[in-house]
Every structure is written in structure tokens, then in C-alpha cells.
Amino acid sequence: MMTVFFYDADVTKAWCCISNKYGSVSLLMIGWLMYIELYTK
């Protein structure tokens, strides 16, 4: 379910917007949190 979400084109655009607003460090942290959520359960 969540994997499909990640490969959506709109999500990629939103991800770029978030990265521009908050910077790569915050984006990396968000990415790690999502990774941990998905793969440690």
C-alpha cells in the first residue's frame, strides 16, 4: 500500500516542494522516519 504511494509522480513533486521549503537535512530526517516506519514492523 505505502510502496505504491512512494512511486506516484504527484508524491515526487510534493517531495521536491518539501525539500525546497525545509532543506535537505529535514527531508533526509523525514525520509529516515518513513523508512523506519515501513521496514521495522
Protein backbone atom coordinates (compact mmCIF):
# COMPACT_ATOMS: atom_id res chain seq x y z
CA MET A 1 0.00 0.00 0.00
CA MET A 2 2.60 2.57 1.08
CA THR A 3 5.11 1.47 -1.55
CA VAL A 4 2.75 2.47 -4.37
CA PHE A 5 2.40 5.87 -2.68
CA PHE A 6 6.14 6.49 -2.90
CA TYR A 7 6.34 5.91 -6.65
CA ASP A 8 3.48 8.26 -7.53
CA ALA A 9 4.51 11.24 -9.67
CA ASP A 10 2.47 13.70 -7.58
CA VAL A 11 4.24 12.49 -4.46
CA THR A 12 7.59 13.12 -6.14
CA LYS A 13 6.53 16.70 -6.92
CA ALA A 14 5.33 17.23 -3.36
CA TRP A 15 8.61 15.76 -2.09
CA CYS A 16 10.54 18.32 -4.19
CA CYS A 17 8.43 21.16 -2.77
CA ILE A 18 9.04 19.96 0.79
CA SER A 19 12.76 19.69 0.06
CA ASN A 20 12.88 23.25 -1.28
CA LYS A 21 10.97 24.66 1.71
CA TYR A 22 12.63 22.79 4.54
CA GLY A 23 16.05 21.89 3.18
CA SER A 24 17.75 18.59 2.51
CA VAL A 25 18.53 17.87 6.18
CA SER A 26 14.86 17.92 7.18
CA LEU A 27 13.97 15.92 4.08
CA LEU A 28 16.57 13.31 4.98
CA MET A 29 15.19 13.07 8.52
CA ILE A 30 11.63 12.69 7.20
CA GLY A 31 12.86 10.04 4.78
CA TRP A 32 14.54 8.10 7.58
CA LEU A 33 11.41 8.26 9.75
CA MET A 34 9.30 6.89 6.89
CA TYR A 35 11.90 4.18 6.18
CA ILE A 36 11.91 3.14 9.85
CA GLU A 37 8.09 3.14 9.96
CA LEU A 38 7.83 0.92 6.89
CA TYR A 39 10.65 -1.55 7.40
CA THR A 40 10.89 -2.15 11.15
CA LYS A 41 7.39 -3.58 11.59
